Amino acid sequence: MILEYFKKKQLRLLNSVPLKFIRKQYMKKIAARDRLVGLLGARGVGKTTLLLQYLKQHFQSGQSLYLIADDIIMANTSIYGIAEQFYALNGRMLIIDEIHKYPNWTQEIKNLYDSFPDLFIRFSGSSMLNILYEQYDLSRRAYIIQMNELTFREFLELKHDINLPNYTLKEIVKNSIDISNDLLMQYPFIYSEFQEYLKIGAYPFFVENIETYREKLFNALEKIIYEDIPGLKKIKFENLIVFKKLIFNLIEARVPYKVNISKLARELKITQPTLYIYLDILNQTKIFRSLKKYTKKISRKPQKLFFHNSNILYTFSSEFNIEVNIGTVRETFLSVVLIISFIQILVIFK
């Protein structure tokens, strides 16, 4: 009965998932030959859509099973029990979405991996989910994929069905004027679209309704703070106000936040070691992005704090009714480029 419930739910979801836009770089990794693959990423980046697209493209009915770890029906059963029934019916691809919401998930995944040598497993989870520190070691069994927000190229492809060429950072630095002129000649609206991308383009929420984009992103960020952080890091609910204060400090400053650890710890009424832990957590959640001064010595102290992307900056600024500083927007975007400069990325500035 439970198996049939999930099969019917999977069919409804597969019938509704589009295939027009697929994040190919992640699809290729999900389709790897590894038996156990984990897809980690912040809320809203499109993990569920990608997993369903993978099933729709690669498997026929009966070969795969899609589970949502926090489905209400899971309260009366176990992932292992469902997988055992599925395997007995020749099922070979099991997908578990939002696995971080399932208690003791690492033990069950390890048991499945070891008990059914020809069962393939894909799971998704929070960007904070670090299997290297879980009780049951999956690090040598699992191939982990970190899924990021939409790039500007992906934003244009999803919104306008435009496929721009890839440019390396080296090519952009060397030929930025020629590249910009060529693209502007072909797509006169590209600069205005880039301005929009900085505000509402990093997450695929805009596909359904641009008007509710910030509300959806804000709700996703609130869930990270009030659900994901306490659930994965065992932080008491009453201590979560510190995270909101840190966020407000960044917004109120209006410029990239220069970190004075001792002063900030006193303001927040926490110890410096606790502050370092909280800053690390906000980095893991993909809410903050910290930049450290280049040094040969390893240091935990960030020199500046940015929001993880400019969409988050605009969303929190709107919520607190504080005007966004355009210079901070540019630095926030460039902080992404500096950190992932090894990835091919398209950047357009006027």
C-alpha atoms as a PDB file:
ATOM      1  CA  MET A   1       0.000   0.000   0.000  1.00  0.00           C
ATOM      2  CA  ILE A   2       2.774   2.441   0.954  1.00  0.00           C
ATOM      3  CA  LEU A   3       4.727   1.507  -2.167  1.00  0.00           C
ATOM      4  CA  GLU A   4       1.683   2.194  -4.340  1.00  0.00           C
ATOM      5  CA  TYR A   5       1.206   5.540  -2.610  1.00  0.00           C
ATOM      6  CA  PHE A   6       4.700   6.665  -3.582  1.00  0.00           C
ATOM      7  CA  LYS A   7       4.395   5.263  -7.109  1.00  0.00           C
ATOM      8  CA  LYS A   8       1.226   7.275  -7.730  1.00  0.00           C
ATOM      9  CA  LYS A   9       2.811  10.378  -6.257  1.00  0.00           C
ATOM     10  CA  GLN A  10       5.886   9.887  -8.436  1.00  0.00           C
ATOM     11  CA  LEU A  11       3.734   9.574 -11.553  1.00  0.00           C
ATOM     12  CA  ARG A  12       1.940  12.860 -10.794  1.00  0.00           C
ATOM     13  CA  LEU A  13       5.238  14.645 -10.241  1.00  0.00           C
ATOM     14  CA  LEU A  14       6.871  13.228 -13.365  1.00  0.00           C
ATOM     15  CA  ASN A  15       3.904  14.297 -15.488  1.00  0.00           C
ATOM     16  CA  SER A  16       4.270  17.869 -14.239  1.00  0.00           C
ATOM     17  CA  VAL A  17       8.046  18.291 -14.462  1.00  0.00           C
ATOM     18  CA  PRO A  18       9.257  20.139 -17.607  1.00  0.00           C
ATOM     19  CA  LEU A  19      12.218  19.019 -19.724  1.00  0.00           C
ATOM     20  CA  LYS A  20      12.676  22.196 -21.765  1.00  0.00           C
ATOM     21  CA  PHE A  21      15.393  23.544 -19.453  1.00  0.00           C
ATOM     22  CA  ILE A  22      17.836  21.141 -17.829  1.00  0.00           C
ATOM     23  CA  ARG A  23      20.948  22.073 -15.886  1.00  0.00           C
ATOM     24  CA  LYS A  24      23.177  19.841 -17.954  1.00  0.00           C
ATOM     25  CA  GLN A  25      26.345  20.114 -15.884  1.00  0.00           C
ATOM     26  CA  TYR A  26      24.492  18.663 -12.876  1.00  0.00           C
ATOM     27  CA  MET A  27      22.455  16.162 -14.885  1.00  0.00           C
ATOM     28  CA  LYS A  28      25.684  14.648 -16.213  1.00  0.00           C
ATOM     29  CA  LYS A  29      26.940  14.179 -12.654  1.00  0.00           C
ATOM     30  CA  ILE A  30      23.647  12.742 -11.379  1.00  0.00           C
ATOM     31  CA  ALA A  31      23.745  10.219 -14.228  1.00  0.00           C
ATOM     32  CA  ALA A  32      27.214   9.011 -13.207  1.00  0.00           C
ATOM     33  CA  ARG A  33      27.767   5.269 -12.850  1.00  0.00           C
ATOM     34  CA  ASP A  34      28.340   5.557  -9.103  1.00  0.00           C
ATOM     35  CA  ARG A  35      25.804   3.622  -7.063  1.00  0.00           C
ATOM     36  CA  LEU A  36      25.404   6.305  -4.398  1.00  0.00           C
ATOM     37  CA  VAL A  37      25.185   9.974  -5.410  1.00  0.00           C
ATOM     38  CA  GLY A  38      24.229  12.868  -3.145  1.00  0.00           C
ATOM     39  CA  LEU A  39      22.948  16.225  -4.444  1.00  0.00           C
ATOM     40  CA  LEU A  40      23.473  18.985  -1.887  1.00  0.00           C
ATOM     41  CA  GLY A  41      22.384  22.592  -2.185  1.00  0.00           C
ATOM     42  CA  ALA A  42      20.537  25.473  -0.583  1.00  0.00           C
ATOM     43  CA  ARG A  43      16.765  25.636  -0.559  1.00  0.00           C
ATOM     44  CA  GLY A  44      15.265  26.728  -3.866  1.00  0.00           C
ATOM     45  CA  VAL A  45      18.176  25.980  -6.229  1.00  0.00           C
ATOM     46  CA  GLY A  46      16.219  23.261  -8.077  1.00  0.00           C
ATOM     47  CA  LYS A  47      17.349  19.930  -6.587  1.00  0.00           C
ATOM     48  CA  THR A  48      13.916  18.315  -6.715  1.00  0.00           C
ATOM     49  CA  THR A  49      13.314  19.361 -10.324  1.00  0.00           C
ATOM     50  CA  LEU A  50      16.673  17.956 -11.401  1.00  0.00           C
ATOM     51  CA  LEU A  51      16.045  14.594  -9.702  1.00  0.00           C
ATOM     52  CA  LEU A  52      12.614  14.264 -11.318  1.00  0.00           C
ATOM     53  CA  GLN A  53      14.038  15.239 -14.720  1.00  0.00           C
ATOM     54  CA  TYR A  54      16.659  12.542 -14.267  1.00  0.00           C
ATOM     55  CA  LEU A  55      13.974   9.925 -13.632  1.00  0.00           C
ATOM     56  CA  LYS A  56      11.843  11.112 -16.521  1.00  0.00           C
ATOM     57  CA  GLN A  57      14.764  10.970 -18.957  1.00  0.00           C
ATOM     58  CA  HIS A  58      16.469   7.759 -17.884  1.00  0.00           C
ATOM     59  CA  PHE A  59      13.934   5.328 -16.418  1.00  0.00           C
ATOM     60  CA  GLN A  60      10.712   3.603 -17.374  1.00  0.00           C
ATOM     61  CA  SER A  61       7.802   3.074 -14.995  1.00  0.00           C
ATOM     62  CA  GLY A  62       8.557   0.456 -12.367  1.00  0.00           C
ATOM     63  CA  GLN A  63      12.334   0.799 -12.544  1.00  0.00           C
ATOM     64  CA  SER A  64      12.571   3.775 -10.200  1.00  0.00           C
ATOM     65  CA  LEU A  65      11.020   5.073  -7.015  1.00  0.00           C
ATOM     66  CA  TYR A  66      10.981   8.651  -5.755  1.00  0.00           C
ATOM     67  CA  LEU A  67      10.545   9.255  -2.019  1.00  0.00           C
ATOM     68  CA  ILE A  68      10.232  12.493  -0.053  1.00  0.00           C
ATOM     69  CA  ALA A  69      11.907  11.926   3.303  1.00  0.00           C
ATOM     70  CA  ASP A  70       9.530  14.133   5.292  1.00  0.00           C
ATOM     71  CA  ASP A  71       6.326  12.773   3.714  1.00  0.00           C
ATOM     72  CA  ILE A  72       3.753  12.224   6.448  1.00  0.00           C
ATOM     73  CA  ILE A  73       3.438   8.545   5.551  1.00  0.00           C
ATOM     74  CA  MET A  74       7.113   8.022   6.439  1.00  0.00           C
ATOM     75  CA  ALA A  75       6.184   8.321  10.123  1.00  0.00           C
ATOM     76  CA  ASN A  76       4.813   4.754   9.999  1.00  0.00           C
ATOM     77  CA  THR A  77       7.554   3.078   7.979  1.00  0.00           C
ATOM     78  CA  SER A  78      11.243   3.293   7.094  1.00  0.00           C
ATOM     79  CA  ILE A  79      13.283   4.049   3.990  1.00  0.00           C
ATOM     80  CA  TYR A  80      14.901   0.628   4.299  1.00  0.00           C
ATOM     81  CA  GLY A  81      11.545  -1.145   4.493  1.00  0.00           C
ATOM     82  CA  ILE A  82      10.188   0.630   1.408  1.00  0.00           C
ATOM     83  CA  ALA A  83      13.415   0.053  -0.517  1.00  0.00           C
ATOM     84  CA  GLU A  84      13.356  -3.653   0.365  1.00  0.00           C
ATOM     85  CA  GLN A  85       9.847  -4.034  -1.100  1.00  0.00           C
ATOM     86  CA  PHE A  86      10.810  -1.991  -4.154  1.00  0.00           C
ATOM     87  CA  TYR A  87      13.935  -4.082  -4.757  1.00  0.00           C
ATOM     88  CA  ALA A  88      11.936  -7.326  -4.518  1.00  0.00           C
ATOM     89  CA  LEU A  89       9.832  -6.036  -7.446  1.00  0.00           C
ATOM     90  CA  ASN A  90      13.011  -5.503  -9.553  1.00  0.00           C
ATOM     91  CA  GLY A  91      13.319  -1.835  -8.729  1.00  0.00           C
ATOM     92  CA  ARG A  92      16.859  -0.608  -9.161  1.00  0.00           C
ATOM     93  CA  MET A  93      16.879   3.216  -8.830  1.00  0.00           C
ATOM     94  CA  LEU A  94      15.838   4.749  -5.517  1.00  0.00           C
ATOM     95  CA  ILE A  95      15.695   8.535  -5.109  1.00  0.00           C
ATOM     96  CA  ILE A  96      15.241  10.126  -1.691  1.00  0.00           C
ATOM     97  CA  ASP A  97      14.546  13.861  -1.632  1.00  0.00           C
ATOM     98  CA  GLU A  98      15.186  16.115   1.396  1.00  0.00           C
ATOM     99  CA  ILE A  99      16.997  13.292   3.178  1.00  0.00           C
ATOM    100  CA  HIS A 100      18.221  15.552   5.985  1.00  0.00           C
ATOM    101  CA  LYS A 101      14.664  15.563   7.335  1.00  0.00           C
ATOM    102  CA  TYR A 102      14.737  11.826   7.995  1.00  0.00           C
ATOM    103  CA  PRO A 103      16.146  10.711  11.384  1.00  0.00           C
ATOM    104  CA  ASN A 104      19.175   8.410  11.341  1.00  0.00           C
ATOM    105  CA  TRP A 105      19.286   8.530   7.557  1.00  0.00           C
ATOM    106  CA  THR A 106      22.982   7.749   7.298  1.00  0.00           C
ATOM    107  CA  GLN A 107      22.624   4.341   8.918  1.00  0.00           C
ATOM    108  CA  GLU A 108      19.750   3.344   6.620  1.00  0.00           C
ATOM    109  CA  ILE A 109      21.577   4.519   3.474  1.00  0.00           C
ATOM    110  CA  LYS A 110      24.693   2.610   4.531  1.00  0.00           C
ATOM    111  CA  ASN A 111      22.612  -0.522   5.172  1.00  0.00           C
ATOM    112  CA  LEU A 112      20.892  -0.214   1.786  1.00  0.00           C
ATOM    113  CA  TYR A 113      24.205   0.312   0.011  1.00  0.00           C
ATOM    114  CA  ASP A 114      25.753  -2.728   1.659  1.00  0.00           C
ATOM    115  CA  SER A 115      22.689  -5.020   1.465  1.00  0.00           C
ATOM    116  CA  PHE A 116      21.678  -4.485  -2.183  1.00  0.00           C
ATOM    117  CA  PRO A 117      24.816  -4.358  -4.375  1.00  0.00           C
ATOM    118  CA  ASP A 118      22.906  -3.597  -7.575  1.00  0.00           C
ATOM    119  CA  LEU A 119      20.599  -0.917  -6.130  1.00  0.00           C
ATOM    120  CA  PHE A 120      21.395   2.617  -7.281  1.00  0.00           C
ATOM    121  CA  ILE A 121      20.614   5.434  -4.844  1.00  0.00           C
ATOM    122  CA  ARG A 122      20.325   9.181  -5.356  1.00  0.00           C
ATOM    123  CA  PHE A 123      19.546  11.576  -2.518  1.00  0.00           C
ATOM    124  CA  SER A 124      19.230  15.311  -2.034  1.00  0.00           C
ATOM    125  CA  GLY A 125      19.839  17.331   1.088  1.00  0.00           C
ATOM    126  CA  SER A 126      20.633  20.657   2.652  1.00  0.00           C
ATOM    127  CA  SER A 127      23.834  22.457   1.714  1.00  0.00           C
ATOM    128  CA  MET A 128      24.786  22.085   5.391  1.00  0.00           C
ATOM    129  CA  LEU A 129      24.649  18.299   5.176  1.00  0.00           C
ATOM    130  CA  ASN A 130      28.267  17.224   5.559  1.00  0.00           C
ATOM    131  CA  ILE A 131      28.397  13.438   5.394  1.00  0.00           C
ATOM    132  CA  LEU A 132      32.062  13.482   6.358  1.00  0.00           C
ATOM    133  CA  TYR A 133      31.023  14.230   9.938  1.00  0.00           C
ATOM    134  CA  GLU A 134      28.048  11.904  10.212  1.00  0.00           C
ATOM    135  CA  GLN A 135      28.169   8.949  12.583  1.00  0.00           C
ATOM    136  CA  TYR A 136      28.066   6.385   9.792  1.00  0.00           C
ATOM    137  CA  ASP A 137      30.838   7.096   7.300  1.00  0.00           C
ATOM    138  CA  LEU A 138      29.428   7.559   3.789  1.00  0.00           C
ATOM    139  CA  SER A 139      32.288   9.678   2.501  1.00  0.00           C
ATOM    140  CA  ARG A 140      34.023   6.761   0.790  1.00  0.00           C
ATOM    141  CA  ARG A 141      30.775   5.398  -0.612  1.00  0.00           C
ATOM    142  CA  ALA A 142      29.017   8.503  -1.898  1.00  0.00           C
ATOM    143  CA  TYR A 143      29.775  10.805  -4.813  1.00  0.00           C
ATOM    144  CA  ILE A 144      28.700  14.258  -3.617  1.00  0.00           C
ATOM    145  CA  ILE A 145      27.537  17.038  -5.933  1.00  0.00           C
ATOM    146  CA  GLN A 146      27.208  20.646  -4.757  1.00  0.00           C
ATOM    147  CA  MET A 147      24.405  22.370  -6.675  1.00  0.00           C
ATOM    148  CA  ASN A 148      24.677  26.156  -6.957  1.00  0.00           C
ATOM    149  CA  GLU A 149      22.231  28.902  -7.888  1.00  0.00           C
ATOM    150  CA  LEU A 150      21.475  29.781 -11.495  1.00  0.00           C
ATOM    151  CA  THR A 151      24.211  31.556 -13.429  1.00  0.00           C
ATOM    152  CA  PHE A 152      23.335  34.515 -15.642  1.00  0.00           C
ATOM    153  CA  ARG A 153      23.661  32.248 -18.680  1.00  0.00           C
ATOM    154  CA  GLU A 154      21.183  29.793 -17.154  1.00  0.00           C
ATOM    155  CA  PHE A 155      18.835  32.631 -16.227  1.00  0.00           C
ATOM    156  CA  LEU A 156      18.743  33.759 -19.880  1.00  0.00           C
ATOM    157  CA  GLU A 157      18.296  30.221 -21.125  1.00  0.00           C
ATOM    158  CA  LEU A 158      15.428  29.549 -18.722  1.00  0.00           C
ATOM    159  CA  LYS A 159      13.685  32.880 -19.284  1.00  0.00           C
ATOM    160  CA  HIS A 160      14.328  33.526 -23.001  1.00  0.00           C
ATOM    161  CA  ASP A 161      15.583  30.189 -24.367  1.00  0.00           C
ATOM    162  CA  ILE A 162      18.883  31.920 -25.244  1.00  0.00           C
ATOM    163  CA  ASN A 163      22.050  29.854 -25.266  1.00  0.00           C
ATOM    164  CA  LEU A 164      25.064  32.119 -24.873  1.00  0.00           C
ATOM    165  CA  PRO A 165      28.598  30.839 -25.406  1.00  0.00           C
ATOM    166  CA  ASN A 166      30.831  29.979 -22.462  1.00  0.00           C
ATOM    167  CA  TYR A 167      33.715  32.278 -21.639  1.00  0.00           C
ATOM    168  CA  THR A 168      36.527  31.590 -19.231  1.00  0.00           C
ATOM    169  CA  LEU A 169      37.483  34.284 -16.749  1.00  0.00           C
ATOM    170  CA  LYS A 170      40.773  34.675 -18.628  1.00  0.00           C
ATOM    171  CA  GLU A 171      38.904  35.309 -21.903  1.00  0.00           C
ATOM    172  CA  ILE A 172      36.645  37.866 -20.246  1.00  0.00           C
ATOM    173  CA  VAL A 173      39.541  39.777 -18.706  1.00  0.00           C
ATOM    174  CA  LYS A 174      41.417  39.823 -22.013  1.00  0.00           C
ATOM    175  CA  ASN A 175      38.516  40.484 -24.419  1.00  0.00           C
ATOM    176  CA  SER A 176      35.795  42.020 -22.249  1.00  0.00           C
ATOM    177  CA  ILE A 177      35.044  44.943 -24.578  1.00  0.00           C
ATOM    178  CA  ASP A 178      34.780  42.791 -27.720  1.00  0.00           C
ATOM    179  CA  ILE A 179      32.657  40.184 -25.928  1.00  0.00           C
ATOM    180  CA  SER A 180      30.328  42.838 -24.507  1.00  0.00           C
ATOM    181  CA  ASN A 181      29.920  44.601 -27.862  1.00  0.00           C
ATOM    182  CA  ASP A 182      29.198  41.352 -29.688  1.00  0.00           C
ATOM    183  CA  LEU A 183      26.576  40.302 -27.171  1.00  0.00           C
ATOM    184  CA  LEU A 184      24.948  43.737 -27.054  1.00  0.00           C
ATOM    185  CA  MET A 185      24.694  43.796 -30.841  1.00  0.00           C
ATOM    186  CA  GLN A 186      22.981  40.421 -30.835  1.00  0.00           C
ATOM    187  CA  TYR A 187      20.902  40.917 -27.669  1.00  0.00           C
ATOM    188  CA  PRO A 188      20.266  44.658 -27.020  1.00  0.00           C
ATOM    189  CA  PHE A 189      18.300  43.840 -23.854  1.00  0.00           C
ATOM    190  CA  ILE A 190      21.080  41.843 -22.197  1.00  0.00           C
ATOM    191  CA  TYR A 191      22.246  44.558 -19.810  1.00  0.00           C
ATOM    192  CA  SER A 192      18.745  45.210 -18.463  1.00  0.00           C
ATOM    193  CA  GLU A 193      18.311  41.465 -18.051  1.00  0.00           C
ATOM    194  CA  PHE A 194      21.541  41.317 -16.064  1.00  0.00           C
ATOM    195  CA  GLN A 195      20.206  44.033 -13.748  1.00  0.00           C
ATOM    196  CA  GLU A 196      17.091  41.921 -13.251  1.00  0.00           C
ATOM    197  CA  TYR A 197      19.164  38.783 -12.658  1.00  0.00           C
ATOM    198  CA  LEU A 198      20.994  40.513  -9.813  1.00  0.00           C
ATOM    199  CA  LYS A 199      17.619  41.056  -8.119  1.00  0.00           C
ATOM    200  CA  ILE A 200      15.442  38.045  -8.986  1.00  0.00           C
ATOM    201  CA  GLY A 201      17.403  35.596 -11.119  1.00  0.00           C
ATOM    202  CA  ALA A 202      19.554  33.315  -8.967  1.00  0.00           C
ATOM    203  CA  TYR A 203      16.724  30.921  -8.081  1.00  0.00           C
ATOM    204  CA  PRO A 204      14.094  29.500 -10.450  1.00  0.00           C
ATOM    205  CA  PHE A 205      11.200  30.991  -8.432  1.00  0.00           C
ATOM    206  CA  PHE A 206      10.744  33.646 -11.126  1.00  0.00           C
ATOM    207  CA  VAL A 207       9.426  31.052 -13.598  1.00  0.00           C
ATOM    208  CA  GLU A 208       6.085  30.833 -11.801  1.00  0.00           C
ATOM    209  CA  ASN A 209       5.640  34.460 -10.743  1.00  0.00           C
ATOM    210  CA  ILE A 210       8.181  37.278 -10.693  1.00  0.00           C
ATOM    211  CA  GLU A 211       5.932  39.342  -8.402  1.00  0.00           C
ATOM    212  CA  THR A 212       6.202  36.834  -5.535  1.00  0.00           C
ATOM    213  CA  TYR A 213       9.899  36.040  -6.036  1.00  0.00           C
ATOM    214  CA  ARG A 214      11.239  37.917  -3.007  1.00  0.00           C
ATOM    215  CA  GLU A 215       8.492  36.563  -0.773  1.00  0.00           C
ATOM    216  CA  LYS A 216       9.350  32.988  -1.779  1.00  0.00           C
ATOM    217  CA  LEU A 217      13.080  33.557  -1.337  1.00  0.00           C
ATOM    218  CA  PHE A 218      12.532  35.205   2.054  1.00  0.00           C
ATOM    219  CA  ASN A 219      10.396  32.252   3.174  1.00  0.00           C
ATOM    220  CA  ALA A 220      13.104  29.839   2.024  1.00  0.00           C
ATOM    221  CA  LEU A 221      15.746  31.780   3.974  1.00  0.00           C
ATOM    222  CA  GLU A 222      13.537  31.816   7.081  1.00  0.00           C
ATOM    223  CA  LYS A 223      13.145  28.040   6.857  1.00  0.00           C
ATOM    224  CA  ILE A 224      16.909  27.657   6.665  1.00  0.00           C
ATOM    225  CA  ILE A 225      17.279  29.663   9.879  1.00  0.00           C
ATOM    226  CA  TYR A 226      14.352  28.236  11.857  1.00  0.00           C
ATOM    227  CA  GLU A 227      14.218  24.655  10.516  1.00  0.00           C
ATOM    228  CA  ASP A 228      17.471  23.575   8.868  1.00  0.00           C
ATOM    229  CA  ILE A 229      19.956  25.114  11.304  1.00  0.00           C
ATOM    230  CA  PRO A 230      18.294  23.783  14.498  1.00  0.00           C
ATOM    231  CA  GLY A 231      17.673  20.398  12.858  1.00  0.00           C
ATOM    232  CA  LEU A 232      21.194  19.833  11.586  1.00  0.00           C
ATOM    233  CA  LYS A 233      23.315  21.795  14.051  1.00  0.00           C
ATOM    234  CA  LYS A 234      21.352  21.194  17.281  1.00  0.00           C
ATOM    235  CA  ILE A 235      21.156  24.889  18.102  1.00  0.00           C
ATOM    236  CA  LYS A 236      18.462  25.933  20.548  1.00  0.00           C
ATOM    237  CA  PHE A 237      15.589  27.921  19.092  1.00  0.00           C
ATOM    238  CA  GLU A 238      16.141  30.851  21.458  1.00  0.00           C
ATOM    239  CA  ASN A 239      19.701  31.276  20.120  1.00  0.00           C
ATOM    240  CA  LEU A 240      18.533  31.743  16.526  1.00  0.00           C
ATOM    241  CA  ILE A 241      17.974  35.449  17.142  1.00  0.00           C
ATOM    242  CA  VAL A 242      21.758  35.828  16.873  1.00  0.00           C
ATOM    243  CA  PHE A 243      21.584  34.751  13.208  1.00  0.00           C
ATOM    244  CA  LYS A 244      18.893  37.346  12.527  1.00  0.00           C
ATOM    245  CA  LYS A 245      21.001  40.027  14.236  1.00  0.00           C
ATOM    246  CA  LEU A 246      24.000  39.105  12.079  1.00  0.00           C
ATOM    247  CA  ILE A 247      21.843  39.402   8.972  1.00  0.00           C
ATOM    248  CA  PHE A 248      20.502  42.780  10.104  1.00  0.00           C
ATOM    249  CA  ASN A 249      24.044  44.021  10.765  1.00  0.00           C
ATOM    250  CA  LEU A 250      24.980  43.288   7.147  1.00  0.00           C
ATOM    251  CA  ILE A 251      21.880  45.055   5.834  1.00  0.00           C
ATOM    252  CA  GLU A 252      22.223  48.064   8.134  1.00  0.00           C
ATOM    253  CA  ALA A 253      25.882  48.571   7.192  1.00  0.00           C
ATOM    254  CA  ARG A 254      24.879  48.931   3.507  1.00  0.00           C
ATOM    255  CA  VAL A 255      28.529  48.371   2.534  1.00  0.00           C
ATOM    256  CA  PRO A 256      30.458  45.075   2.682  1.00  0.00           C
ATOM    257  CA  TYR A 257      30.623  44.236   6.373  1.00  0.00           C
ATOM    258  CA  LYS A 258      34.118  44.497   7.853  1.00  0.00           C
ATOM    259  CA  VAL A 259      34.448  41.973  10.645  1.00  0.00           C
ATOM    260  CA  ASN A 260      35.764  42.871  14.093  1.00  0.00           C
ATOM    261  CA  ILE A 261      35.351  39.567  15.932  1.00  0.00           C
ATOM    262  CA  SER A 262      35.833  40.825  19.491  1.00  0.00           C
ATOM    263  CA  LYS A 263      33.495  43.809  19.013  1.00  0.00           C
ATOM    264  CA  LEU A 264      30.840  41.758  17.217  1.00  0.00           C
ATOM    265  CA  ALA A 265      30.908  39.029  19.883  1.00  0.00           C
ATOM    266  CA  ARG A 266      30.339  41.651  22.594  1.00  0.00           C
ATOM    267  CA  GLU A 267      27.439  43.201  20.665  1.00  0.00           C
ATOM    268  CA  LEU A 268      25.782  39.816  20.193  1.00  0.00           C
ATOM    269  CA  LYS A 269      26.563  38.745  23.792  1.00  0.00           C
ATOM    270  CA  ILE A 270      28.247  35.516  22.748  1.00  0.00           C
ATOM    271  CA  THR A 271      31.781  34.198  23.016  1.00  0.00           C
ATOM    272  CA  GLN A 272      34.226  34.543  20.149  1.00  0.00           C
ATOM    273  CA  PRO A 273      34.399  30.727  19.578  1.00  0.00           C
ATOM    274  CA  THR A 274      30.578  30.674  19.349  1.00  0.00           C
ATOM    275  CA  LEU A 275      30.631  33.559  16.891  1.00  0.00           C
ATOM    276  CA  TYR A 276      33.074  31.679  14.656  1.00  0.00           C
ATOM    277  CA  ILE A 277      30.752  28.658  14.737  1.00  0.00           C
ATOM    278  CA  TYR A 278      27.735  30.782  13.804  1.00  0.00           C
ATOM    279  CA  LEU A 279      29.589  32.479  10.945  1.00  0.00           C
ATOM    280  CA  ASP A 280      30.663  29.069   9.640  1.00  0.00           C
ATOM    281  CA  ILE A 281      27.048  27.883   9.757  1.00  0.00           C
ATOM    282  CA  LEU A 282      25.803  30.907   7.801  1.00  0.00           C
ATOM    283  CA  ASN A 283      28.478  30.158   5.205  1.00  0.00           C
ATOM    284  CA  GLN A 284      27.358  26.540   4.983  1.00  0.00           C
ATOM    285  CA  THR A 285      23.714  27.532   4.578  1.00  0.00           C
ATOM    286  CA  LYS A 286      24.614  29.701   1.560  1.00  0.00           C
ATOM    287  CA  ILE A 287      23.227  32.807   3.247  1.00  0.00           C
ATOM    288  CA  PHE A 288      26.609  34.450   3.850  1.00  0.00           C
ATOM    289  CA  ARG A 289      29.844  34.385   1.919  1.00  0.00           C
ATOM    290  CA  SER A 290      32.995  35.360   3.779  1.00  0.00           C
ATOM    291  CA  LEU A 291      36.201  36.641   2.244  1.00  0.00           C
ATOM    292  CA  LYS A 292      39.472  36.200   4.096  1.00  0.00           C
ATOM    293  CA  LYS A 293      42.639  38.191   3.693  1.00  0.00           C
ATOM    294  CA  TYR A 294      45.249  36.330   1.687  1.00  0.00           C
ATOM    295  CA  THR A 295      47.869  34.911   4.046  1.00  0.00           C
ATOM    296  CA  LYS A 296      50.139  31.901   4.257  1.00  0.00           C
ATOM    297  CA  LYS A 297      48.747  31.170   7.702  1.00  0.00           C
ATOM    298  CA  ILE A 298      45.384  29.452   8.085  1.00  0.00           C
ATOM    299  CA  SER A 299      42.900  31.803   9.718  1.00  0.00           C
ATOM    300  CA  ARG A 300      39.227  31.452  10.588  1.00  0.00           C
ATOM    301  CA  LYS A 301      38.733  35.209  10.732  1.00  0.00           C
ATOM    302  CA  PRO A 302      36.863  36.646   7.737  1.00  0.00           C
ATOM    303  CA  GLN A 303      37.936  40.088   6.583  1.00  0.00           C
ATOM    304  CA  LYS A 304      34.578  40.914   5.000  1.00  0.00           C
ATOM    305  CA  LEU A 305      31.126  39.390   4.994  1.00  0.00           C
ATOM    306  CA  PHE A 306      28.806  39.417   1.980  1.00  0.00           C
ATOM    307  CA  PHE A 307      25.479  37.803   1.346  1.00  0.00           C
ATOM    308  CA  HIS A 308      25.877  34.668  -0.725  1.00  0.00           C
ATOM    309  CA  ASN A 309      24.385  36.428  -3.742  1.00  0.00           C
ATOM    310  CA  SER A 310      22.800  39.763  -4.598  1.00  0.00           C
ATOM    311  CA  ASN A 311      19.269  38.263  -4.646  1.00  0.00           C
ATOM    312  CA  ILE A 312      19.565  37.619  -0.905  1.00  0.00           C
ATOM    313  CA  LEU A 313      20.902  41.145  -0.403  1.00  0.00           C
ATOM    314  CA  TYR A 314      17.922  42.680  -2.232  1.00  0.00           C
ATOM    315  CA  THR A 315      15.430  40.397  -0.456  1.00  0.00           C
ATOM    316  CA  PHE A 316      16.595  41.194   3.087  1.00  0.00           C
ATOM    317  CA  SER A 317      16.996  44.900   2.253  1.00  0.00           C
ATOM    318  CA  SER A 318      13.388  44.973   1.095  1.00  0.00           C
ATOM    319  CA  GLU A 319      12.250  43.151   4.233  1.00  0.00           C
ATOM    320  CA  PHE A 320      14.038  45.649   6.518  1.00  0.00           C
ATOM    321  CA  ASN A 321      13.107  48.600   4.278  1.00  0.00           C
ATOM    322  CA  ILE A 322      16.739  49.655   3.804  1.00  0.00           C
ATOM    323  CA  GLU A 323      17.979  50.973   0.455  1.00  0.00           C
ATOM    324  CA  VAL A 324      20.500  48.808  -1.381  1.00  0.00           C
ATOM    325  CA  ASN A 325      23.914  50.284  -2.107  1.00  0.00           C
ATOM    326  CA  ILE A 326      24.801  49.577  -5.759  1.00  0.00           C
ATOM    327  CA  GLY A 327      28.482  49.341  -4.869  1.00  0.00           C
ATOM    328  CA  THR A 328      27.686  46.553  -2.417  1.00  0.00           C
ATOM    329  CA  VAL A 329      25.681  44.763  -5.120  1.00  0.00           C
ATOM    330  CA  ARG A 330      28.694  44.856  -7.433  1.00  0.00           C
ATOM    331  CA  GLU A 331      31.075  43.653  -4.726  1.00  0.00           C
ATOM    332  CA  THR A 332      28.658  40.890  -3.736  1.00  0.00           C
ATOM    333  CA  PHE A 333      28.492  39.654  -7.314  1.00  0.00           C
ATOM    334  CA  LEU A 334      32.247  39.938  -7.784  1.00  0.00           C
ATOM    335  CA  SER A 335      32.863  38.007  -4.565  1.00  0.00           C
ATOM    336  CA  VAL A 336      31.152  35.067  -6.271  1.00  0.00           C
ATOM    337  CA  VAL A 337      33.381  35.439  -9.316  1.00  0.00           C
ATOM    338  CA  LEU A 338      36.545  35.631  -7.227  1.00  0.00           C
ATOM    339  CA  ILE A 339      35.709  32.468  -5.321  1.00  0.00           C
ATOM    340  CA  ILE A 340      34.588  30.368  -8.301  1.00  0.00           C
ATOM    341  CA  SER A 341      36.858  31.867 -10.945  1.00  0.00           C
ATOM    342  CA  PHE A 342      37.984  28.396 -11.912  1.00  0.00           C
ATOM    343  CA  ILE A 343      34.473  27.719 -13.246  1.00  0.00           C
ATOM    344  CA  GLN A 344      33.563  29.003 -16.707  1.00  0.00           C
ATOM    345  CA  ILE A 345      31.231  31.919 -16.117  1.00  0.00           C
ATOM    346  CA  LEU A 346      29.757  34.762 -18.125  1.00  0.00           C
ATOM    347  CA  VAL A 347      29.981  38.209 -16.584  1.00  0.00           C
ATOM    348  CA  ILE A 348      28.569  41.320 -18.223  1.00  0.00           C
ATOM    349  CA  PHE A 349      29.112  44.818 -16.910  1.00  0.00           C
ATOM    350  CA  LYS A 350      28.331  48.049 -18.645  1.00  0.00           C
END
